[in-house]
């Protein structure tokens, strides 16, 4: 029970953090958004973004669950960070990087959605937005 409460507080903190990062992106302060997002990986997952970026899509779930003992909660946090990273890359005009992070975020969200016993309209909305972004990026590249 305590672990679940901790995870819920962590996700609430993450959402506030990501709101600030997305606000910076909308303002056009991409350097500060990038710096904050990099710090977020360390704060929430104790690794830098390159650690996660270097894991191939097809091994993402397996590596994180089996080799690094991540939980579904960790995967959801990482999905949120990847989604924000994809937004930042879109704002920078880095479409191939945005596509990579969008695909990884979708993989993680879909896995968590299949594993969770609770319905989340917010998660479903994010997955739909990611699918749309991926389709758009695949079409434009």
N, C-alpha and C. Protein backbone atom coordinates (compact mmCIF):
# COMPACT_ATOMS: atom_id res chain seq x y z
N UNK A 1 0.82 -1.20 0.00
CA UNK A 1 0.00 0.00 0.00
C UNK A 1 0.86 1.27 0.00
N UNK A 2 1.90 1.27 0.83
CA UNK A 2 2.77 2.44 0.89
C UNK A 2 3.47 2.68 -0.44
N UNK A 3 3.88 1.60 -1.10
CA UNK A 3 4.55 1.73 -2.38
C UNK A 3 3.60 2.34 -3.42
N UNK A 4 2.33 1.94 -3.40
CA UNK A 4 1.36 2.48 -4.34
C UNK A 4 1.12 3.96 -4.07
N UNK A 5 1.01 4.35 -2.80
CA UNK A 5 0.84 5.76 -2.45
C UNK A 5 2.04 6.59 -2.89
N UNK A 6 3.23 6.05 -2.68
CA UNK A 6 4.45 6.73 -3.09
C UNK A 6 4.45 6.93 -4.60
N UNK A 7 4.08 5.90 -5.34
CA UNK A 7 4.06 5.97 -6.80
C UNK A 7 3.04 7.02 -7.27
N UNK A 8 1.87 7.06 -6.64
CA UNK A 8 0.86 8.06 -7.01
C UNK A 8 1.37 9.48 -6.76
N UNK A 9 2.06 9.69 -5.65
CA UNK A 9 2.63 11.01 -5.36
C UNK A 9 3.72 11.35 -6.38
N UNK A 10 4.51 10.34 -6.72
CA UNK A 10 5.58 10.55 -7.70
C UNK A 10 4.99 10.94 -9.05
N UNK A 11 3.94 10.28 -9.47
CA UNK A 11 3.31 10.60 -10.76
C UNK A 11 2.69 11.99 -10.72
N UNK A 12 2.09 12.37 -9.59
CA UNK A 12 1.53 13.72 -9.47
C UNK A 12 2.63 14.77 -9.58
N UNK A 13 3.76 14.52 -8.94
CA UNK A 13 4.90 15.42 -9.02
C UNK A 13 5.43 15.49 -10.45
N UNK A 14 5.49 14.33 -11.10
CA UNK A 14 5.95 14.27 -12.50
C UNK A 14 5.04 15.10 -13.39
N UNK A 15 3.73 14.99 -13.21
CA UNK A 15 2.79 15.72 -14.07
C UNK A 15 2.98 17.24 -13.91
N UNK A 16 3.20 17.69 -12.70
CA UNK A 16 3.47 19.11 -12.48
C UNK A 16 4.77 19.50 -13.17
N UNK A 17 5.79 18.68 -13.01
CA UNK A 17 7.09 18.92 -13.64
C UNK A 17 6.95 18.99 -15.16
N UNK A 18 6.24 18.03 -15.75
CA UNK A 18 6.07 18.01 -17.20
C UNK A 18 5.25 19.20 -17.69
N UNK A 19 4.29 19.64 -16.90
CA UNK A 19 3.54 20.84 -17.25
C UNK A 19 4.46 22.05 -17.38
N UNK A 20 5.43 22.13 -16.47
CA UNK A 20 6.40 23.23 -16.54
C UNK A 20 7.28 23.10 -17.79
N UNK A 21 7.73 21.88 -18.09
CA UNK A 21 8.56 21.65 -19.28
C UNK A 21 7.78 22.00 -20.54
N UNK A 22 6.54 21.54 -20.63
CA UNK A 22 5.72 21.84 -21.82
C UNK A 22 5.44 23.33 -21.93
N UNK A 23 5.31 24.00 -20.80
CA UNK A 23 5.14 25.46 -20.81
C UNK A 23 6.36 26.16 -21.40
N UNK A 24 7.54 25.67 -21.03
CA UNK A 24 8.77 26.24 -21.58
C UNK A 24 8.85 26.00 -23.09
N UNK A 25 8.43 24.83 -23.52
CA UNK A 25 8.44 24.53 -24.96
C UNK A 25 7.51 25.49 -25.70
N UNK A 26 6.32 25.70 -25.15
CA UNK A 26 5.36 26.61 -25.80
C UNK A 26 5.88 28.05 -25.84
N UNK A 27 6.65 28.44 -24.83
CA UNK A 27 7.23 29.78 -24.81
C UNK A 27 8.42 29.90 -25.76
N UNK A 28 8.92 28.76 -26.23
CA UNK A 28 10.07 28.78 -27.13
C UNK A 28 11.40 28.72 -26.41
N UNK A 29 11.38 28.50 -25.10
CA UNK A 29 12.62 28.39 -24.32
C UNK A 29 13.08 26.93 -24.35
N UNK A 30 13.54 26.48 -25.53
CA UNK A 30 13.83 25.08 -25.76
C UNK A 30 15.07 24.60 -25.01
N UNK A 31 16.05 25.47 -24.83
CA UNK A 31 17.26 25.09 -24.09
C UNK A 31 16.92 24.79 -22.63
N UNK A 32 16.15 25.67 -22.03
CA UNK A 32 15.78 25.46 -20.62
C UNK A 32 14.88 24.23 -20.49
N UNK A 33 13.97 24.04 -21.44
CA UNK A 33 13.10 22.86 -21.42
C UNK A 33 13.94 21.59 -21.53
N UNK A 34 14.94 21.61 -22.40
CA UNK A 34 15.82 20.46 -22.59
C UNK A 34 16.61 20.16 -21.31
N UNK A 35 17.14 21.20 -20.70
CA UNK A 35 17.90 21.03 -19.46
C UNK A 35 17.02 20.46 -18.35
N UNK A 36 15.81 20.98 -18.24
CA UNK A 36 14.89 20.49 -17.20
C UNK A 36 14.49 19.06 -17.47
N UNK A 37 14.23 18.74 -18.71
CA UNK A 37 13.82 17.38 -19.05
C UNK A 37 14.94 16.39 -18.75
N UNK A 38 16.17 16.77 -19.07
CA UNK A 38 17.32 15.91 -18.74
C UNK A 38 17.40 15.69 -17.24
N UNK A 39 17.19 16.75 -16.48
CA UNK A 39 17.20 16.62 -15.02
C UNK A 39 16.07 15.70 -14.55
N UNK A 40 14.95 15.73 -15.24
CA UNK A 40 13.81 14.90 -14.88
C UNK A 40 14.12 13.41 -14.94
N UNK A 41 14.87 13.00 -15.94
CA UNK A 41 15.26 11.59 -16.02
C UNK A 41 16.03 11.18 -14.76
N UNK A 42 16.94 12.04 -14.34
CA UNK A 42 17.73 11.75 -13.15
C UNK A 42 16.90 11.81 -11.87
N UNK A 43 16.01 12.77 -11.79
CA UNK A 43 15.19 12.92 -10.59
C UNK A 43 14.23 11.74 -10.43
N UNK A 44 13.54 11.39 -11.50
CA UNK A 44 12.47 10.40 -11.40
C UNK A 44 12.93 8.96 -11.63
N UNK A 45 14.00 8.77 -12.39
CA UNK A 45 14.41 7.40 -12.73
C UNK A 45 15.88 7.10 -12.42
N UNK A 46 16.60 8.08 -11.93
CA UNK A 46 18.00 7.90 -11.52
C UNK A 46 18.94 7.47 -12.65
N UNK A 47 18.62 7.86 -13.86
CA UNK A 47 19.46 7.60 -15.03
C UNK A 47 19.37 8.81 -15.94
N UNK A 48 20.35 8.99 -16.81
CA UNK A 48 20.24 10.08 -17.77
C UNK A 48 19.50 9.60 -19.02
N UNK A 49 19.08 10.52 -19.83
CA UNK A 49 18.24 10.18 -20.99
C UNK A 49 18.94 9.26 -21.97
N UNK A 50 20.27 9.38 -22.09
CA UNK A 50 20.99 8.55 -23.06
C UNK A 50 20.90 7.07 -22.70
N UNK A 51 20.82 6.76 -21.42
CA UNK A 51 20.66 5.37 -20.99
C UNK A 51 19.42 4.75 -21.64
N UNK A 52 18.30 5.49 -21.60
CA UNK A 52 17.03 4.99 -22.15
C UNK A 52 17.01 5.07 -23.67
N UNK A 53 17.61 6.12 -24.19
CA UNK A 53 17.60 6.30 -25.65
C UNK A 53 18.34 5.17 -26.35
N UNK A 54 19.37 4.64 -25.71
CA UNK A 54 20.20 3.61 -26.32
C UNK A 54 19.57 2.22 -26.28
N UNK A 55 18.46 2.06 -25.61
CA UNK A 55 17.78 0.76 -25.60
C UNK A 55 16.90 0.69 -26.85
N UNK A 56 17.10 -0.32 -27.70
CA UNK A 56 16.27 -0.44 -28.91
C UNK A 56 14.79 -0.66 -28.56
N UNK A 57 13.94 -0.15 -29.42
CA UNK A 57 12.49 -0.28 -29.20
C UNK A 57 12.06 -1.71 -28.90
N UNK A 58 12.59 -2.64 -29.70
CA UNK A 58 12.14 -4.03 -29.58
C UNK A 58 12.60 -4.69 -28.28
N UNK A 59 13.55 -4.07 -27.58
CA UNK A 59 14.03 -4.64 -26.32
C UNK A 59 13.66 -3.77 -25.11
N UNK A 60 12.96 -2.70 -25.34
CA UNK A 60 12.69 -1.70 -24.31
C UNK A 60 12.01 -2.31 -23.07
N UNK A 61 10.88 -2.95 -23.26
CA UNK A 61 10.13 -3.51 -22.14
C UNK A 61 10.95 -4.60 -21.45
N UNK A 62 11.46 -5.53 -22.22
CA UNK A 62 12.20 -6.66 -21.67
C UNK A 62 13.41 -6.18 -20.86
N UNK A 63 14.20 -5.29 -21.42
CA UNK A 63 15.39 -4.81 -20.72
C UNK A 63 15.04 -4.11 -19.41
N UNK A 64 14.05 -3.24 -19.47
CA UNK A 64 13.72 -2.46 -18.28
C UNK A 64 13.09 -3.32 -17.19
N UNK A 65 12.25 -4.26 -17.56
CA UNK A 65 11.60 -5.11 -16.55
C UNK A 65 12.55 -6.19 -16.03
N UNK A 66 13.22 -6.87 -16.91
CA UNK A 66 14.01 -8.03 -16.49
C UNK A 66 15.43 -7.67 -16.05
N UNK A 67 16.08 -6.82 -16.80
CA UNK A 67 17.47 -6.53 -16.48
C UNK A 67 17.65 -5.39 -15.48
N UNK A 68 16.69 -4.49 -15.42
CA UNK A 68 16.83 -3.32 -14.54
C UNK A 68 15.77 -3.28 -13.44
N UNK A 69 14.91 -4.29 -13.39
CA UNK A 69 13.89 -4.42 -12.34
C UNK A 69 12.96 -3.22 -12.21
N UNK A 70 12.62 -2.61 -13.34
CA UNK A 70 11.66 -1.52 -13.32
C UNK A 70 10.26 -2.09 -13.12
N UNK A 71 9.39 -1.27 -12.57
CA UNK A 71 7.99 -1.65 -12.38
C UNK A 71 7.15 -0.97 -13.46
N UNK A 72 5.88 -1.32 -13.51
CA UNK A 72 4.97 -0.64 -14.44
C UNK A 72 4.92 0.85 -14.14
N UNK A 73 5.04 1.21 -12.88
CA UNK A 73 5.07 2.63 -12.51
C UNK A 73 6.26 3.35 -13.12
N UNK A 74 7.41 2.72 -13.07
CA UNK A 74 8.60 3.30 -13.70
C UNK A 74 8.38 3.45 -15.22
N UNK A 75 7.78 2.43 -15.81
CA UNK A 75 7.54 2.47 -17.26
C UNK A 75 6.60 3.61 -17.63
N UNK A 76 5.59 3.84 -16.80
CA UNK A 76 4.67 4.94 -17.07
C UNK A 76 5.37 6.29 -16.94
N UNK A 77 6.22 6.42 -15.95
CA UNK A 77 6.99 7.66 -15.79
C UNK A 77 7.88 7.86 -17.02
N UNK A 78 8.56 6.81 -17.45
CA UNK A 78 9.42 6.91 -18.62
C UNK A 78 8.61 7.25 -19.87
N UNK A 79 7.42 6.69 -20.01
CA UNK A 79 6.57 7.00 -21.15
C UNK A 79 6.23 8.50 -21.17
N UNK A 80 5.94 9.04 -20.01
CA UNK A 80 5.63 10.48 -19.92
C UNK A 80 6.85 11.32 -20.30
N UNK A 81 8.02 10.92 -19.82
CA UNK A 81 9.24 11.65 -20.17
C UNK A 81 9.54 11.56 -21.67
N UNK A 82 9.37 10.37 -22.23
CA UNK A 82 9.57 10.20 -23.68
C UNK A 82 8.59 11.05 -24.48
N UNK A 83 7.36 11.12 -24.02
CA UNK A 83 6.34 11.92 -24.71
C UNK A 83 6.75 13.40 -24.70
N UNK A 84 7.22 13.88 -23.55
CA UNK A 84 7.68 15.27 -23.47
C UNK A 84 8.92 15.48 -24.35
N UNK A 85 9.79 14.49 -24.37
CA UNK A 85 10.99 14.57 -25.22
C UNK A 85 10.58 14.66 -26.69
N UNK A 86 9.57 13.91 -27.08
CA UNK A 86 9.08 13.96 -28.46
C UNK A 86 8.51 15.34 -28.79
N UNK A 87 7.80 15.94 -27.85
CA UNK A 87 7.27 17.30 -28.04
C UNK A 87 8.41 18.30 -28.21
N UNK A 88 9.43 18.17 -27.39
CA UNK A 88 10.58 19.07 -27.47
C UNK A 88 11.28 18.92 -28.82
N UNK A 89 11.47 17.69 -29.25
CA UNK A 89 12.13 17.46 -30.54
C UNK A 89 11.30 18.01 -31.70
N UNK A 90 9.98 17.91 -31.61
CA UNK A 90 9.11 18.51 -32.65
C UNK A 90 9.32 20.01 -32.70
N UNK A 91 9.38 20.63 -31.52
CA UNK A 91 9.57 22.09 -31.46
C UNK A 91 10.93 22.49 -32.02
N UNK A 92 11.91 21.63 -31.89
CA UNK A 92 13.25 21.89 -32.43
C UNK A 92 13.33 21.58 -33.91
N UNK A 93 12.31 20.91 -34.45
CA UNK A 93 12.34 20.52 -35.86
C UNK A 93 13.10 19.22 -36.09
N UNK A 94 13.36 18.49 -35.05
CA UNK A 94 14.09 17.22 -35.15
C UNK A 94 13.08 16.07 -35.25
N UNK A 95 12.55 15.91 -36.45
CA UNK A 95 11.45 14.97 -36.66
C UNK A 95 11.83 13.52 -36.41
N UNK A 96 13.01 13.11 -36.82
CA UNK A 96 13.39 11.70 -36.63
C UNK A 96 13.54 11.37 -35.15
N UNK A 97 14.08 12.30 -34.37
CA UNK A 97 14.18 12.08 -32.92
C UNK A 97 12.79 12.08 -32.28
N UNK A 98 11.93 12.98 -32.73
CA UNK A 98 10.57 13.01 -32.22
C UNK A 98 9.85 11.70 -32.51
N UNK A 99 10.06 11.17 -33.70
CA UNK A 99 9.45 9.90 -34.08
C UNK A 99 9.95 8.77 -33.18
N UNK A 100 11.25 8.73 -32.93
CA UNK A 100 11.83 7.70 -32.06
C UNK A 100 11.22 7.75 -30.66
N UNK A 101 11.19 8.94 -30.06
CA UNK A 101 10.64 9.07 -28.72
C UNK A 101 9.14 8.82 -28.68
N UNK A 102 8.44 9.21 -29.73
CA UNK A 102 6.99 8.96 -29.80
C UNK A 102 6.71 7.46 -29.84
N UNK A 103 7.46 6.74 -30.64
CA UNK A 103 7.26 5.29 -30.74
C UNK A 103 7.57 4.60 -29.41
N UNK A 104 8.65 4.99 -28.78
CA UNK A 104 9.00 4.40 -27.49
C UNK A 104 7.95 4.73 -26.42
N UNK A 105 7.48 5.96 -26.42
CA UNK A 105 6.44 6.33 -25.45
C UNK A 105 5.18 5.51 -25.67
N UNK A 106 4.79 5.33 -26.94
CA UNK A 106 3.59 4.55 -27.24
C UNK A 106 3.76 3.09 -26.80
N UNK A 107 4.92 2.51 -27.06
CA UNK A 107 5.19 1.13 -26.64
C UNK A 107 4.99 1.00 -25.13
N UNK A 108 5.55 1.94 -24.39
CA UNK A 108 5.44 1.89 -22.93
C UNK A 108 4.02 2.12 -22.45
N UNK A 109 3.35 3.12 -23.00
CA UNK A 109 1.95 3.38 -22.60
C UNK A 109 1.07 2.18 -22.90
N UNK A 110 1.24 1.57 -24.07
CA UNK A 110 0.42 0.41 -24.42
C UNK A 110 0.69 -0.75 -23.47
N UNK A 111 1.93 -0.98 -23.14
CA UNK A 111 2.26 -2.05 -22.20
C UNK A 111 1.61 -1.79 -20.84
N UNK A 112 1.78 -0.59 -20.32
CA UNK A 112 1.21 -0.24 -19.02
C UNK A 112 -0.31 -0.35 -19.07
N UNK A 113 -0.91 0.12 -20.15
CA UNK A 113 -2.36 0.06 -20.28
C UNK A 113 -2.86 -1.38 -20.27
N UNK A 114 -2.13 -2.28 -20.92
CA UNK A 114 -2.52 -3.69 -20.93
C UNK A 114 -2.32 -4.36 -19.57
N UNK A 115 -1.34 -3.89 -18.81
CA UNK A 115 -1.03 -4.49 -17.52
C UNK A 115 -1.87 -3.94 -16.37
N UNK A 116 -2.27 -2.70 -16.47
CA UNK A 116 -3.04 -2.05 -15.39
C UNK A 116 -4.45 -2.61 -15.33
N UNK A 117 -4.96 -2.63 -14.13
CA UNK A 117 -6.33 -3.10 -13.93
C UNK A 117 -7.33 -1.95 -13.90
N UNK A 118 -6.83 -0.72 -13.99
CA UNK A 118 -7.70 0.44 -13.93
C UNK A 118 -7.73 1.16 -15.27
N UNK A 119 -8.88 1.70 -15.60
CA UNK A 119 -9.10 2.45 -16.83
C UNK A 119 -8.54 3.86 -16.66
N UNK A 120 -7.86 4.35 -17.67
CA UNK A 120 -7.34 5.71 -17.64
C UNK A 120 -7.65 6.39 -18.98
N UNK A 121 -8.63 7.28 -18.95
CA UNK A 121 -8.97 8.03 -20.17
C UNK A 121 -7.80 8.91 -20.59
N UNK A 122 -7.09 9.45 -19.62
CA UNK A 122 -5.94 10.31 -19.93
C UNK A 122 -4.86 9.52 -20.67
N UNK A 123 -4.59 8.30 -20.22
CA UNK A 123 -3.59 7.47 -20.89
C UNK A 123 -4.05 7.13 -22.31
N UNK A 124 -5.33 6.80 -22.46
CA UNK A 124 -5.85 6.48 -23.80
C UNK A 124 -5.74 7.68 -24.73
N UNK A 125 -6.01 8.88 -24.20
CA UNK A 125 -5.88 10.10 -25.01
C UNK A 125 -4.43 10.32 -25.44
N UNK A 126 -3.50 10.08 -24.53
CA UNK A 126 -2.09 10.24 -24.87
C UNK A 126 -1.67 9.23 -25.93
N UNK A 127 -2.15 8.00 -25.80
CA UNK A 127 -1.81 6.98 -26.79
C UNK A 127 -2.36 7.36 -28.16
N UNK A 128 -3.56 7.89 -28.20
CA UNK A 128 -4.14 8.31 -29.48
C UNK A 128 -3.35 9.48 -30.08
N UNK A 129 -2.97 10.44 -29.24
CA UNK A 129 -2.16 11.57 -29.72
C UNK A 129 -0.81 11.09 -30.24
N UNK A 130 -0.22 10.12 -29.56
CA UNK A 130 1.06 9.57 -30.02
C UNK A 130 0.89 8.85 -31.36
N UNK A 131 -0.17 8.07 -31.50
CA UNK A 131 -0.41 7.39 -32.78
C UNK A 131 -0.55 8.41 -33.91
N UNK A 132 -1.27 9.49 -33.64
CA UNK A 132 -1.45 10.54 -34.65
C UNK A 132 -0.12 11.20 -35.00
N UNK A 133 0.69 11.50 -33.98
CA UNK A 133 2.00 12.11 -34.23
C UNK A 133 2.88 11.17 -35.04
N UNK A 134 2.89 9.90 -34.67
CA UNK A 134 3.71 8.92 -35.38
C UNK A 134 3.27 8.82 -36.85
N UNK A 135 1.98 8.79 -37.08
CA UNK A 135 1.47 8.73 -38.46
C UNK A 135 1.88 9.98 -39.24
N UNK A 136 1.74 11.12 -38.61
CA UNK A 136 2.12 12.38 -39.25
C UNK A 136 3.62 12.41 -39.56
N UNK A 137 4.44 11.99 -38.60
CA UNK A 137 5.89 11.99 -38.81
C UNK A 137 6.31 10.96 -39.84
N UNK A 138 5.68 9.81 -39.86
CA UNK A 138 6.00 8.81 -40.88
C UNK A 138 5.66 9.31 -42.27
N UNK A 139 4.57 10.07 -42.37
CA UNK A 139 4.13 10.61 -43.64
C UNK A 139 5.07 11.72 -44.13
N UNK A 140 5.60 12.53 -43.18
CA UNK A 140 6.40 13.69 -43.59
C UNK A 140 7.88 13.38 -43.73
N UNK A 141 8.33 12.21 -43.30
CA UNK A 141 9.77 11.91 -43.42
C UNK A 141 10.06 11.01 -44.58
